[in-house]
Amino acid sequence: MAAARKKTTSTTVKATKVVEKRALSPETASETTVVKKAKVTKSKAAAWEPFDPCLPNNTTFPTEFNIPPKPENSIKIASYNVAGLAACIKKGFNTYVDAEDADILCIQEHKQNAPLSTAVNDKVYKYRYWAIDEKKGYAGVAVFSKYKPSNVIYGIPGFESSTRGRVLSLTFPSFTLIGCYVPNAGDKLVRLPERQVFNEHMEKYIRSLQKEGKSIIWTGDLNVAHTPDDLARPDTNQRSAGFTIEERTDFDKVLNESKPEKLPGLIDTWRHFHPEQKGHYTYYGYRFKCREKLMGWRLDYFVTTPDLLGKIVSSEIRHEGWGASDHVPLVLTLENVDME
């Protein structure tokens, strides 16, 4: 993901001012040109200040987490871009997994070429599903569940060849869960056309499930900062991967009513519960001390169909969980949903 913009420093540049001056002496028939140099000082950009300085900005992964127990008759779904599962495990991944004790855990960008037995406790998560990309050491999503789904689909139906390592759908009695790792548009947006094709197929897939009457939870690293409030430096990232008008417009299509079917738009749950909040991000790049400065992007989501909204207890970002990956986990808690 593209890092936030570099801080602008105060600079002084020399500008040349040319002044035309007529000769004062009658003996001088031509005009002379006097060149003067003037100093022009650019205004200094304001120093970066976090929108919410109370948020944790730890630069190493916590050795313990203080996570309150979930309410009765509820389930927790966690999502986490691990940016390489093997490395994430070495930095404390399992500490978080044990502390969160989610009923379903979705991970993205695991980069595994085969299932990893040490990822989770198989006695806790009896049902484990791995979507592995054809390209070795690249992409990959997985879902670990305490409950057995009635159906599992790898990739986007009809578009499996290029999405098998990025989309994993599990069907439960109350909803269909889609764990997803959306392609990055890349440096200089070289993969933006490919990304837009993915977006188109993903929207069609979601709408097809809606037509079947399915409730949907779409989660993962969706690789888009939807609004200017979802990244630290929107002004200088207009053509950065994750904040282009093309990517944001494609996301709008899912969040708005579909045409011409008039299927209801899905809901960005965290933004629904925090409509005016700024500075709460899920990704902090390793460069430019972004984590220390709380300068990041909100790229990870729980997006649901409106019928589930009344069952959502909370949609949270685990801000302290940074350091094992350049992303942090997020958690959706729902009540009164059937899982078996």
C-alpha atoms as a PDB file:
ATOM      1  CA  MET A   1       0.000   0.000   0.000  1.00  0.00           C
ATOM      2  CA  ALA A   2       1.246   3.444  -0.801  1.00  0.00           C
ATOM      3  CA  ALA A   3       2.636   5.281   2.206  1.00  0.00           C
ATOM      4  CA  ALA A   4       1.320   8.632   3.364  1.00  0.00           C
ATOM      5  CA  ARG A   5       2.831  11.669   1.726  1.00  0.00           C
ATOM      6  CA  LYS A   6       6.160  13.054   2.808  1.00  0.00           C
ATOM      7  CA  LYS A   7       6.204  16.067   5.072  1.00  0.00           C
ATOM      8  CA  THR A   8       6.741  19.343   3.265  1.00  0.00           C
ATOM      9  CA  THR A   9       9.657  21.344   4.622  1.00  0.00           C
ATOM     10  CA  SER A  10      10.290  25.063   4.419  1.00  0.00           C
ATOM     11  CA  THR A  11      12.398  25.976   1.416  1.00  0.00           C
ATOM     12  CA  THR A  12      13.750  29.221   0.011  1.00  0.00           C
ATOM     13  CA  VAL A  13      14.190  29.578  -3.711  1.00  0.00           C
ATOM     14  CA  LYS A  14      15.638  32.380  -5.779  1.00  0.00           C
ATOM     15  CA  ALA A  15      13.392  33.938  -8.412  1.00  0.00           C
ATOM     16  CA  THR A  16      14.768  36.212 -11.112  1.00  0.00           C
ATOM     17  CA  LYS A  17      12.982  39.496 -11.652  1.00  0.00           C
ATOM     18  CA  VAL A  18      13.728  41.297 -14.861  1.00  0.00           C
ATOM     19  CA  VAL A  19      13.227  45.088 -14.807  1.00  0.00           C
ATOM     20  CA  GLU A  20      13.204  47.116 -17.992  1.00  0.00           C
ATOM     21  CA  LYS A  21      14.895  50.543 -17.462  1.00  0.00           C
ATOM     22  CA  ARG A  22      15.258  53.299 -20.082  1.00  0.00           C
ATOM     23  CA  ALA A  23      18.662  54.979 -20.517  1.00  0.00           C
ATOM     24  CA  LEU A  24      18.869  58.359 -18.812  1.00  0.00           C
ATOM     25  CA  SER A  25      21.752  59.653 -20.964  1.00  0.00           C
ATOM     26  CA  PRO A  26      20.925  61.172 -24.403  1.00  0.00           C
ATOM     27  CA  GLU A  27      24.067  59.507 -25.745  1.00  0.00           C
ATOM     28  CA  THR A  28      22.586  56.060 -25.028  1.00  0.00           C
ATOM     29  CA  ALA A  29      20.259  55.141 -27.808  1.00  0.00           C
ATOM     30  CA  SER A  30      19.279  51.641 -26.630  1.00  0.00           C
ATOM     31  CA  GLU A  31      17.548  50.373 -23.527  1.00  0.00           C
ATOM     32  CA  THR A  32      19.451  48.560 -20.829  1.00  0.00           C
ATOM     33  CA  THR A  33      18.204  45.607 -18.847  1.00  0.00           C
ATOM     34  CA  VAL A  34      18.873  45.406 -15.119  1.00  0.00           C
ATOM     35  CA  VAL A  35      18.517  41.973 -13.602  1.00  0.00           C
ATOM     36  CA  LYS A  36      17.602  41.797  -9.926  1.00  0.00           C
ATOM     37  CA  LYS A  37      17.250  38.687  -7.821  1.00  0.00           C
ATOM     38  CA  ALA A  38      14.556  38.465  -5.195  1.00  0.00           C
ATOM     39  CA  LYS A  39      14.069  35.836  -2.521  1.00  0.00           C
ATOM     40  CA  VAL A  40      10.718  34.060  -2.451  1.00  0.00           C
ATOM     41  CA  THR A  41       9.952  31.892   0.566  1.00  0.00           C
ATOM     42  CA  LYS A  42       7.378  29.137   0.293  1.00  0.00           C
ATOM     43  CA  SER A  43       4.978  28.917   3.180  1.00  0.00           C
ATOM     44  CA  LYS A  44       5.887  26.176   5.587  1.00  0.00           C
ATOM     45  CA  ALA A  45       3.426  23.300   5.788  1.00  0.00           C
ATOM     46  CA  ALA A  46       1.876  22.745   9.185  1.00  0.00           C
ATOM     47  CA  ALA A  47       3.534  19.989  11.187  1.00  0.00           C
ATOM     48  CA  TRP A  48       1.581  16.716  11.168  1.00  0.00           C
ATOM     49  CA  GLU A  49      -0.718  16.324  14.153  1.00  0.00           C
ATOM     50  CA  PRO A  50      -2.720  13.115  14.684  1.00  0.00           C
ATOM     51  CA  PHE A  51      -6.487  13.505  14.497  1.00  0.00           C
ATOM     52  CA  ASP A  52      -6.800  11.376  17.642  1.00  0.00           C
ATOM     53  CA  PRO A  53      -3.558  11.499  19.659  1.00  0.00           C
ATOM     54  CA  CYS A  54      -5.085   9.230  22.324  1.00  0.00           C
ATOM     55  CA  LEU A  55      -4.748   6.183  20.071  1.00  0.00           C
ATOM     56  CA  PRO A  56      -1.872   3.773  20.731  1.00  0.00           C
ATOM     57  CA  ASN A  57       1.165   4.218  18.502  1.00  0.00           C
ATOM     58  CA  ASN A  58       3.282   1.292  19.699  1.00  0.00           C
ATOM     59  CA  THR A  59       5.867   0.157  17.185  1.00  0.00           C
ATOM     60  CA  THR A  60       6.233  -3.414  18.468  1.00  0.00           C
ATOM     61  CA  PHE A  61       3.544  -6.061  18.836  1.00  0.00           C
ATOM     62  CA  PRO A  62       2.045  -6.327  22.356  1.00  0.00           C
ATOM     63  CA  THR A  63       2.998  -9.316  24.466  1.00  0.00           C
ATOM     64  CA  GLU A  64      -0.511  -9.377  25.925  1.00  0.00           C
ATOM     65  CA  PHE A  65      -3.957  -8.018  25.047  1.00  0.00           C
ATOM     66  CA  ASN A  66      -6.695  -6.817  27.354  1.00  0.00           C
ATOM     67  CA  ILE A  67      -9.809  -7.779  25.405  1.00  0.00           C
ATOM     68  CA  PRO A  68     -13.145  -7.859  27.269  1.00  0.00           C
ATOM     69  CA  PRO A  69     -15.299 -10.987  26.966  1.00  0.00           C
ATOM     70  CA  LYS A  70     -18.002 -10.936  24.339  1.00  0.00           C
ATOM     71  CA  PRO A  71     -21.647 -10.464  25.402  1.00  0.00           C
ATOM     72  CA  GLU A  72     -23.873 -13.494  25.917  1.00  0.00           C
ATOM     73  CA  ASN A  73     -25.587 -14.946  22.866  1.00  0.00           C
ATOM     74  CA  SER A  74     -23.112 -13.271  20.547  1.00  0.00           C
ATOM     75  CA  ILE A  75     -20.339 -14.272  18.172  1.00  0.00           C
ATOM     76  CA  LYS A  76     -17.136 -12.504  17.187  1.00  0.00           C
ATOM     77  CA  ILE A  77     -15.618 -12.443  13.721  1.00  0.00           C
ATOM     78  CA  ALA A  78     -12.069 -11.131  13.445  1.00  0.00           C
ATOM     79  CA  SER A  79     -10.238 -10.091  10.282  1.00  0.00           C
ATOM     80  CA  TYR A  80      -6.511  -9.497   9.956  1.00  0.00           C
ATOM     81  CA  ASN A  81      -4.133  -8.887   7.052  1.00  0.00           C
ATOM     82  CA  VAL A  82      -1.075 -10.697   8.393  1.00  0.00           C
ATOM     83  CA  ALA A  83       1.281  -9.605   5.576  1.00  0.00           C
ATOM     84  CA  GLY A  84       3.007 -12.988   5.579  1.00  0.00           C
ATOM     85  CA  LEU A  85       1.707 -15.498   8.120  1.00  0.00           C
ATOM     86  CA  ALA A  86       5.011 -17.227   8.898  1.00  0.00           C
ATOM     87  CA  ALA A  87       6.651 -13.932   9.839  1.00  0.00           C
ATOM     88  CA  CYS A  88       3.548 -12.764  11.699  1.00  0.00           C
ATOM     89  CA  ILE A  89       3.571 -15.897  13.856  1.00  0.00           C
ATOM     90  CA  LYS A  90       7.176 -15.204  14.869  1.00  0.00           C
ATOM     91  CA  LYS A  91       6.158 -11.706  15.981  1.00  0.00           C
ATOM     92  CA  GLY A  92       3.206 -12.761  18.162  1.00  0.00           C
ATOM     93  CA  PHE A  93       0.225 -13.650  15.954  1.00  0.00           C
ATOM     94  CA  ASN A  94      -0.889 -16.501  18.222  1.00  0.00           C
ATOM     95  CA  THR A  95      -0.848 -14.222  21.270  1.00  0.00           C
ATOM     96  CA  TYR A  96      -3.500 -12.106  19.600  1.00  0.00           C
ATOM     97  CA  VAL A  97      -5.523 -15.103  18.367  1.00  0.00           C
ATOM     98  CA  ASP A  98      -5.696 -16.605  21.854  1.00  0.00           C
ATOM     99  CA  ALA A  99      -6.605 -13.294  23.474  1.00  0.00           C
ATOM    100  CA  GLU A 100      -9.299 -12.409  20.940  1.00  0.00           C
ATOM    101  CA  ASP A 101     -10.836 -15.891  20.984  1.00  0.00           C
ATOM    102  CA  ALA A 102     -12.967 -15.044  17.960  1.00  0.00           C
ATOM    103  CA  ASP A 103     -15.539 -17.548  16.782  1.00  0.00           C
ATOM    104  CA  ILE A 104     -14.370 -17.022  13.219  1.00  0.00           C
ATOM    105  CA  LEU A 105     -10.974 -15.664  12.187  1.00  0.00           C
ATOM    106  CA  CYS A 106     -10.322 -14.447   8.649  1.00  0.00           C
ATOM    107  CA  ILE A 107      -6.774 -13.701   7.524  1.00  0.00           C
ATOM    108  CA  GLN A 108      -5.466 -12.174   4.321  1.00  0.00           C
ATOM    109  CA  GLU A 109      -2.119 -12.107   2.532  1.00  0.00           C
ATOM    110  CA  HIS A 110      -0.863 -15.215   4.296  1.00  0.00           C
ATOM    111  CA  LYS A 111       1.559 -15.897   1.390  1.00  0.00           C
ATOM    112  CA  GLN A 112       1.543 -19.633   2.091  1.00  0.00           C
ATOM    113  CA  ASN A 113       2.043 -22.270  -0.573  1.00  0.00           C
ATOM    114  CA  ALA A 114       0.325 -24.858   1.641  1.00  0.00           C
ATOM    115  CA  PRO A 115      -1.717 -24.844   4.878  1.00  0.00           C
ATOM    116  CA  LEU A 116       0.354 -24.043   7.958  1.00  0.00           C
ATOM    117  CA  SER A 117      -0.329 -26.353  10.898  1.00  0.00           C
ATOM    118  CA  THR A 118       0.895 -23.849  13.516  1.00  0.00           C
ATOM    119  CA  ALA A 119      -1.463 -21.090  12.405  1.00  0.00           C
ATOM    120  CA  VAL A 120      -4.178 -21.813  15.000  1.00  0.00           C
ATOM    121  CA  ASN A 121      -5.088 -24.410  17.599  1.00  0.00           C
ATOM    122  CA  ASP A 122      -6.953 -27.070  15.640  1.00  0.00           C
ATOM    123  CA  LYS A 123      -8.837 -28.124  18.770  1.00  0.00           C
ATOM    124  CA  VAL A 124     -10.322 -24.628  19.003  1.00  0.00           C
ATOM    125  CA  TYR A 125     -10.775 -23.993  15.296  1.00  0.00           C
ATOM    126  CA  LYS A 126     -11.898 -27.351  13.985  1.00  0.00           C
ATOM    127  CA  TYR A 127     -12.831 -25.996  10.577  1.00  0.00           C
ATOM    128  CA  ARG A 128      -9.971 -24.454   8.620  1.00  0.00           C
ATOM    129  CA  TYR A 129     -10.049 -23.375   4.997  1.00  0.00           C
ATOM    130  CA  TRP A 130      -7.114 -22.147   2.940  1.00  0.00           C
ATOM    131  CA  ALA A 131      -7.336 -20.310  -0.366  1.00  0.00           C
ATOM    132  CA  ILE A 132      -3.878 -20.347  -1.927  1.00  0.00           C
ATOM    133  CA  ASP A 133      -2.741 -18.280  -4.877  1.00  0.00           C
ATOM    134  CA  GLU A 134      -1.141 -19.973  -7.869  1.00  0.00           C
ATOM    135  CA  LYS A 135       1.800 -17.589  -7.604  1.00  0.00           C
ATOM    136  CA  LYS A 136       4.092 -18.863  -4.860  1.00  0.00           C
ATOM    137  CA  GLY A 137       4.501 -16.686  -1.778  1.00  0.00           C
ATOM    138  CA  TYR A 138       1.761 -14.311  -2.921  1.00  0.00           C
ATOM    139  CA  ALA A 139      -1.675 -13.199  -1.675  1.00  0.00           C
ATOM    140  CA  GLY A 140      -3.761 -15.968  -0.054  1.00  0.00           C
ATOM    141  CA  VAL A 141      -6.722 -15.897   2.346  1.00  0.00           C
ATOM    142  CA  ALA A 142      -7.854 -18.326   5.046  1.00  0.00           C
ATOM    143  CA  VAL A 143     -10.787 -18.692   7.412  1.00  0.00           C
ATOM    144  CA  PHE A 144     -10.685 -20.572  10.726  1.00  0.00           C
ATOM    145  CA  SER A 145     -14.027 -21.313  12.378  1.00  0.00           C
ATOM    146  CA  LYS A 146     -15.449 -22.928  15.486  1.00  0.00           C
ATOM    147  CA  TYR A 147     -18.613 -23.633  13.498  1.00  0.00           C
ATOM    148  CA  LYS A 148     -18.989 -25.809  10.430  1.00  0.00           C
ATOM    149  CA  PRO A 149     -20.238 -23.989   7.346  1.00  0.00           C
ATOM    150  CA  SER A 150     -22.795 -25.643   5.105  1.00  0.00           C
ATOM    151  CA  ASN A 151     -20.919 -24.603   1.988  1.00  0.00           C
ATOM    152  CA  VAL A 152     -17.452 -23.297   1.052  1.00  0.00           C
ATOM    153  CA  ILE A 153     -16.606 -21.564  -2.221  1.00  0.00           C
ATOM    154  CA  TYR A 154     -13.050 -20.745  -3.359  1.00  0.00           C
ATOM    155  CA  GLY A 155     -12.731 -17.672  -5.553  1.00  0.00           C
ATOM    156  CA  ILE A 156     -15.481 -15.707  -7.302  1.00  0.00           C
ATOM    157  CA  PRO A 157     -17.759 -18.121  -9.162  1.00  0.00           C
ATOM    158  CA  GLY A 158     -17.092 -17.913 -12.874  1.00  0.00           C
ATOM    159  CA  PHE A 159     -13.884 -15.997 -12.259  1.00  0.00           C
ATOM    160  CA  GLU A 160     -11.987 -18.543 -10.167  1.00  0.00           C
ATOM    161  CA  SER A 161      -8.767 -18.644 -12.145  1.00  0.00           C
ATOM    162  CA  SER A 162      -7.572 -15.245 -10.941  1.00  0.00           C
ATOM    163  CA  THR A 163      -9.450 -14.964  -7.626  1.00  0.00           C
ATOM    164  CA  ARG A 164      -8.925 -18.354  -5.982  1.00  0.00           C
ATOM    165  CA  GLY A 165      -6.197 -16.978  -3.728  1.00  0.00           C
ATOM    166  CA  ARG A 166      -8.184 -13.866  -2.854  1.00  0.00           C
ATOM    167  CA  VAL A 167     -11.787 -14.815  -2.068  1.00  0.00           C
ATOM    168  CA  LEU A 168     -13.173 -17.460   0.269  1.00  0.00           C
ATOM    169  CA  SER A 169     -16.911 -17.728   1.036  1.00  0.00           C
ATOM    170  CA  LEU A 170     -18.463 -19.713   3.903  1.00  0.00           C
ATOM    171  CA  THR A 171     -22.220 -20.182   4.285  1.00  0.00           C
ATOM    172  CA  PHE A 172     -23.797 -20.341   7.752  1.00  0.00           C
ATOM    173  CA  PRO A 173     -27.519 -20.390   8.631  1.00  0.00           C
ATOM    174  CA  SER A 174     -27.697 -16.640   9.302  1.00  0.00           C
ATOM    175  CA  PHE A 175     -25.246 -15.259   6.725  1.00  0.00           C
ATOM    176  CA  THR A 176     -22.665 -15.872   4.034  1.00  0.00           C
ATOM    177  CA  LEU A 177     -19.193 -14.725   5.050  1.00  0.00           C
ATOM    178  CA  ILE A 178     -16.821 -13.560   2.301  1.00  0.00           C
ATOM    179  CA  GLY A 179     -13.174 -13.299   3.340  1.00  0.00           C
ATOM    180  CA  CYS A 180     -11.398 -11.180   0.769  1.00  0.00           C
ATOM    181  CA  TYR A 181      -8.047  -9.707  -0.215  1.00  0.00           C
ATOM    182  CA  VAL A 182      -8.669  -7.190  -2.992  1.00  0.00           C
ATOM    183  CA  PRO A 183      -5.789  -6.647  -5.460  1.00  0.00           C
ATOM    184  CA  ASN A 184      -3.643  -3.554  -5.028  1.00  0.00           C
ATOM    185  CA  ALA A 185      -3.619  -1.181  -8.009  1.00  0.00           C
ATOM    186  CA  GLY A 186       0.168  -1.112  -7.745  1.00  0.00           C
ATOM    187  CA  ASP A 187       2.935   1.420  -8.106  1.00  0.00           C
ATOM    188  CA  LYS A 188       1.999   4.074 -10.675  1.00  0.00           C
ATOM    189  CA  LEU A 189      -1.388   2.315 -10.895  1.00  0.00           C
ATOM    190  CA  VAL A 190      -0.034  -0.269 -13.323  1.00  0.00           C
ATOM    191  CA  ARG A 191      -2.600  -2.836 -12.104  1.00  0.00           C
ATOM    192  CA  LEU A 192      -5.581  -0.486 -11.857  1.00  0.00           C
ATOM    193  CA  PRO A 193      -7.344  -2.018 -14.912  1.00  0.00           C
ATOM    194  CA  GLU A 194      -6.923  -5.499 -13.380  1.00  0.00           C
ATOM    195  CA  ARG A 195      -8.215  -4.157 -10.077  1.00  0.00           C
ATOM    196  CA  GLN A 196     -11.303  -2.695 -11.755  1.00  0.00           C
ATOM    197  CA  VAL A 197     -12.085  -6.033 -13.388  1.00  0.00           C
ATOM    198  CA  PHE A 198     -11.884  -7.675  -9.954  1.00  0.00           C
ATOM    199  CA  ASN A 199     -14.172  -5.006  -8.507  1.00  0.00           C
ATOM    200  CA  GLU A 200     -16.737  -5.588 -11.229  1.00  0.00           C
ATOM    201  CA  HIS A 201     -16.838  -9.337 -10.664  1.00  0.00           C
ATOM    202  CA  MET A 202     -16.966  -8.929  -6.886  1.00  0.00           C
ATOM    203  CA  GLU A 203     -19.965  -6.606  -7.089  1.00  0.00           C
ATOM    204  CA  LYS A 204     -21.769  -9.036  -9.406  1.00  0.00           C
ATOM    205  CA  TYR A 205     -21.044 -11.889  -6.995  1.00  0.00           C
ATOM    206  CA  ILE A 206     -22.363  -9.952  -3.996  1.00  0.00           C
ATOM    207  CA  ARG A 207     -25.501  -8.964  -5.900  1.00  0.00           C
ATOM    208  CA  SER A 208     -26.084 -12.573  -6.969  1.00  0.00           C
ATOM    209  CA  LEU A 209     -26.069 -13.620  -3.313  1.00  0.00           C
ATOM    210  CA  GLN A 210     -28.508 -10.842  -2.490  1.00  0.00           C
ATOM    211  CA  LYS A 211     -30.839 -12.061  -5.234  1.00  0.00           C
ATOM    212  CA  GLU A 212     -30.791 -15.462  -3.531  1.00  0.00           C
ATOM    213  CA  GLY A 213     -31.929 -13.757  -0.323  1.00  0.00           C
ATOM    214  CA  LYS A 214     -28.588 -14.211   1.462  1.00  0.00           C
ATOM    215  CA  SER A 215     -27.414 -11.987   4.274  1.00  0.00           C
ATOM    216  CA  ILE A 216     -23.782 -11.082   3.607  1.00  0.00           C
ATOM    217  CA  ILE A 217     -20.697 -10.178   5.611  1.00  0.00           C
ATOM    218  CA  TRP A 218     -17.868  -9.056   3.327  1.00  0.00           C
ATOM    219  CA  THR A 219     -14.615  -8.634   5.202  1.00  0.00           C
ATOM    220  CA  GLY A 220     -10.889  -8.326   4.749  1.00  0.00           C
ATOM    221  CA  ASP A 221      -8.328  -6.016   3.249  1.00  0.00           C
ATOM    222  CA  LEU A 222     -10.462  -4.328   0.598  1.00  0.00           C
ATOM    223  CA  ASN A 223      -7.548  -2.054  -0.325  1.00  0.00           C
ATOM    224  CA  VAL A 224      -9.547   1.172  -0.585  1.00  0.00           C
ATOM    225  CA  ALA A 225      -9.786   4.255   1.612  1.00  0.00           C
ATOM    226  CA  HIS A 226     -13.383   5.144   0.867  1.00  0.00           C
ATOM    227  CA  THR A 227     -13.482   8.789   1.959  1.00  0.00           C
ATOM    228  CA  PRO A 228     -10.941  11.534   2.694  1.00  0.00           C
ATOM    229  CA  ASP A 229     -11.511  10.783   6.389  1.00  0.00           C
ATOM    230  CA  ASP A 230     -10.125   7.272   5.837  1.00  0.00           C
ATOM    231  CA  LEU A 231      -6.504   8.287   5.268  1.00  0.00           C
ATOM    232  CA  ALA A 232      -4.148  10.800   6.797  1.00  0.00           C
ATOM    233  CA  ARG A 233      -3.101  12.669   3.648  1.00  0.00           C
ATOM    234  CA  PRO A 234      -5.952  12.678   1.115  1.00  0.00           C
ATOM    235  CA  ASP A 235      -4.859  15.804  -0.768  1.00  0.00           C
ATOM    236  CA  THR A 236      -1.615  14.345  -2.068  1.00  0.00           C
ATOM    237  CA  ASN A 237      -2.871  10.800  -2.624  1.00  0.00           C
ATOM    238  CA  GLN A 238      -5.531  11.434  -5.237  1.00  0.00           C
ATOM    239  CA  ARG A 239      -3.697   9.174  -7.702  1.00  0.00           C
ATOM    240  CA  SER A 240      -2.258   6.740  -5.174  1.00  0.00           C
ATOM    241  CA  ALA A 241      -3.333   3.102  -5.157  1.00  0.00           C
ATOM    242  CA  GLY A 242      -6.264   2.712  -2.780  1.00  0.00           C
ATOM    243  CA  PHE A 243      -7.583   6.264  -3.101  1.00  0.00           C
ATOM    244  CA  THR A 244      -8.139   6.782  -6.807  1.00  0.00           C
ATOM    245  CA  ILE A 245     -11.551   7.967  -7.921  1.00  0.00           C
ATOM    246  CA  GLU A 246     -11.909   4.711  -9.874  1.00  0.00           C
ATOM    247  CA  GLU A 247     -11.435   2.509  -6.803  1.00  0.00           C
ATOM    248  CA  ARG A 248     -13.630   4.649  -4.585  1.00  0.00           C
ATOM    249  CA  THR A 249     -16.378   4.764  -7.211  1.00  0.00           C
ATOM    250  CA  ASP A 250     -16.332   0.975  -7.515  1.00  0.00           C
ATOM    251  CA  PHE A 251     -16.698   0.709  -3.736  1.00  0.00           C
ATOM    252  CA  ASP A 252     -19.575   3.187  -3.883  1.00  0.00           C
ATOM    253  CA  LYS A 253     -21.383   0.828  -6.247  1.00  0.00           C
ATOM    254  CA  VAL A 254     -21.475  -1.849  -3.549  1.00  0.00           C
ATOM    255  CA  LEU A 255     -22.505   0.596  -0.825  1.00  0.00           C
ATOM    256  CA  ASN A 256     -25.290   2.124  -2.935  1.00  0.00           C
ATOM    257  CA  GLU A 257     -28.513   0.633  -4.243  1.00  0.00           C
ATOM    258  CA  SER A 258     -27.876  -1.466  -7.333  1.00  0.00           C
ATOM    259  CA  LYS A 259     -29.228  -0.514 -10.715  1.00  0.00           C
ATOM    260  CA  PRO A 260     -31.539  -1.550 -12.251  1.00  0.00           C
ATOM    261  CA  GLU A 261     -32.347  -4.338  -9.740  1.00  0.00           C
ATOM    262  CA  LYS A 262     -32.630  -1.884  -6.834  1.00  0.00           C
ATOM    263  CA  LEU A 263     -30.970  -4.251  -4.408  1.00  0.00           C
ATOM    264  CA  PRO A 264     -30.034  -2.430  -1.179  1.00  0.00           C
ATOM    265  CA  GLY A 265     -26.513  -1.125  -0.766  1.00  0.00           C
ATOM    266  CA  LEU A 266     -24.251  -2.732   1.799  1.00  0.00           C
ATOM    267  CA  ILE A 267     -23.073  -0.936   4.947  1.00  0.00           C
ATOM    268  CA  ASP A 268     -19.541  -0.070   6.009  1.00  0.00           C
ATOM    269  CA  THR A 269     -20.159  -1.041   9.621  1.00  0.00           C
ATOM    270  CA  TRP A 270     -17.275   0.788  11.277  1.00  0.00           C
ATOM    271  CA  ARG A 271     -18.120   4.035   9.511  1.00  0.00           C
ATOM    272  CA  HIS A 272     -21.806   3.525  10.308  1.00  0.00           C
ATOM    273  CA  PHE A 273     -21.040   3.559  14.026  1.00  0.00           C
ATOM    274  CA  HIS A 274     -18.352   6.255  13.744  1.00  0.00           C
ATOM    275  CA  PRO A 275     -19.686   8.650  11.073  1.00  0.00           C
ATOM    276  CA  GLU A 276     -17.481  11.651  11.915  1.00  0.00           C
ATOM    277  CA  GLN A 277     -14.370   9.919  13.267  1.00  0.00           C
ATOM    278  CA  LYS A 278     -11.004  10.748  11.723  1.00  0.00           C
ATOM    279  CA  GLY A 279      -7.580   9.265  12.320  1.00  0.00           C
ATOM    280  CA  HIS A 280      -8.654   5.674  13.011  1.00  0.00           C
ATOM    281  CA  TYR A 281      -6.730   3.518  10.568  1.00  0.00           C
ATOM    282  CA  THR A 282      -6.053  -0.166   9.956  1.00  0.00           C
ATOM    283  CA  TYR A 283      -2.796   0.154   7.990  1.00  0.00           C
ATOM    284  CA  TYR A 284       0.416   2.005   8.853  1.00  0.00           C
ATOM    285  CA  GLY A 285       3.334   1.752   6.442  1.00  0.00           C
ATOM    286  CA  TYR A 286       6.763   0.891   7.804  1.00  0.00           C
ATOM    287  CA  ARG A 287       8.387   3.880   6.108  1.00  0.00           C
ATOM    288  CA  PHE A 288       8.472   7.493   7.339  1.00  0.00           C
ATOM    289  CA  LYS A 289       7.582   6.474  10.944  1.00  0.00           C
ATOM    290  CA  CYS A 290       3.921   6.319   9.967  1.00  0.00           C
ATOM    291  CA  ARG A 291       2.901   4.245  12.990  1.00  0.00           C
ATOM    292  CA  GLU A 292       4.709   6.514  15.413  1.00  0.00           C
ATOM    293  CA  LYS A 293       2.981   9.521  13.828  1.00  0.00           C
ATOM    294  CA  LEU A 294      -0.436   7.768  13.638  1.00  0.00           C
ATOM    295  CA  MET A 295      -0.405   8.489   9.921  1.00  0.00           C
ATOM    296  CA  GLY A 296      -2.228   5.698   8.124  1.00  0.00           C
ATOM    297  CA  TRP A 297      -5.060   4.409   5.962  1.00  0.00           C
ATOM    298  CA  ARG A 298      -8.318   2.576   6.754  1.00  0.00           C
ATOM    299  CA  LEU A 299      -8.205  -0.253   4.222  1.00  0.00           C
ATOM    300  CA  ASP A 300      -9.820  -3.144   6.135  1.00  0.00           C
ATOM    301  CA  TYR A 301     -13.573  -3.506   6.548  1.00  0.00           C
ATOM    302  CA  PHE A 302     -16.618  -5.376   7.690  1.00  0.00           C
ATOM    303  CA  VAL A 303     -19.318  -4.609   5.137  1.00  0.00           C
ATOM    304  CA  THR A 304     -22.777  -6.156   5.616  1.00  0.00           C
ATOM    305  CA  THR A 305     -26.215  -6.227   4.078  1.00  0.00           C
ATOM    306  CA  PRO A 306     -28.654  -3.883   5.905  1.00  0.00           C
ATOM    307  CA  ASP A 307     -30.711  -6.739   7.361  1.00  0.00           C
ATOM    308  CA  LEU A 308     -27.813  -7.612   9.691  1.00  0.00           C
ATOM    309  CA  LEU A 309     -27.426  -4.114  11.079  1.00  0.00           C
ATOM    310  CA  GLY A 310     -29.838  -4.698  13.972  1.00  0.00           C
ATOM    311  CA  LYS A 311     -27.788  -7.714  15.064  1.00  0.00           C
ATOM    312  CA  ILE A 312     -24.440  -5.892  15.211  1.00  0.00           C
ATOM    313  CA  VAL A 313     -23.254  -5.238  18.742  1.00  0.00           C
ATOM    314  CA  SER A 314     -20.031  -3.480  17.703  1.00  0.00           C
ATOM    315  CA  SER A 315     -17.554  -2.987  14.880  1.00  0.00           C
ATOM    316  CA  GLU A 316     -14.083  -2.304  16.266  1.00  0.00           C
ATOM    317  CA  ILE A 317     -10.486  -1.731  15.241  1.00  0.00           C
ATOM    318  CA  ARG A 318      -7.866  -3.326  17.497  1.00  0.00           C
ATOM    319  CA  HIS A 319      -5.592  -0.301  17.365  1.00  0.00           C
ATOM    320  CA  GLU A 320      -2.997  -1.733  19.735  1.00  0.00           C
ATOM    321  CA  GLY A 321      -2.418  -4.783  17.545  1.00  0.00           C
ATOM    322  CA  TRP A 322       0.306  -3.369  15.316  1.00  0.00           C
ATOM    323  CA  GLY A 323       3.807  -4.726  14.857  1.00  0.00           C
ATOM    324  CA  ALA A 324       3.351  -8.311  13.707  1.00  0.00           C
ATOM    325  CA  SER A 325       2.022  -6.917  10.424  1.00  0.00           C
ATOM    326  CA  ASP A 326       1.666  -3.440   8.942  1.00  0.00           C
ATOM    327  CA  HIS A 327      -2.108  -3.852   9.431  1.00  0.00           C
ATOM    328  CA  VAL A 328      -4.092  -4.193  12.671  1.00  0.00           C
ATOM    329  CA  PRO A 329      -6.973  -6.611  13.309  1.00  0.00           C
ATOM    330  CA  LEU A 330     -10.628  -5.599  13.290  1.00  0.00           C
ATOM    331  CA  VAL A 331     -13.590  -7.317  14.943  1.00  0.00           C
ATOM    332  CA  LEU A 332     -17.326  -7.532  14.302  1.00  0.00           C
ATOM    333  CA  THR A 333     -19.589  -8.741  17.114  1.00  0.00           C
ATOM    334  CA  LEU A 334     -23.125  -9.908  16.359  1.00  0.00           C
ATOM    335  CA  GLU A 335     -25.929 -11.190  18.579  1.00  0.00           C
ATOM    336  CA  ASN A 336     -28.824 -13.553  18.036  1.00  0.00           C
ATOM    337  CA  VAL A 337     -27.461 -15.207  14.908  1.00  0.00           C
ATOM    338  CA  ASP A 338     -27.767 -18.906  14.120  1.00  0.00           C
ATOM    339  CA  MET A 339     -24.487 -20.684  13.456  1.00  0.00           C
ATOM    340  CA  GLU A 340     -25.560 -24.335  13.371  1.00  0.00           C
END
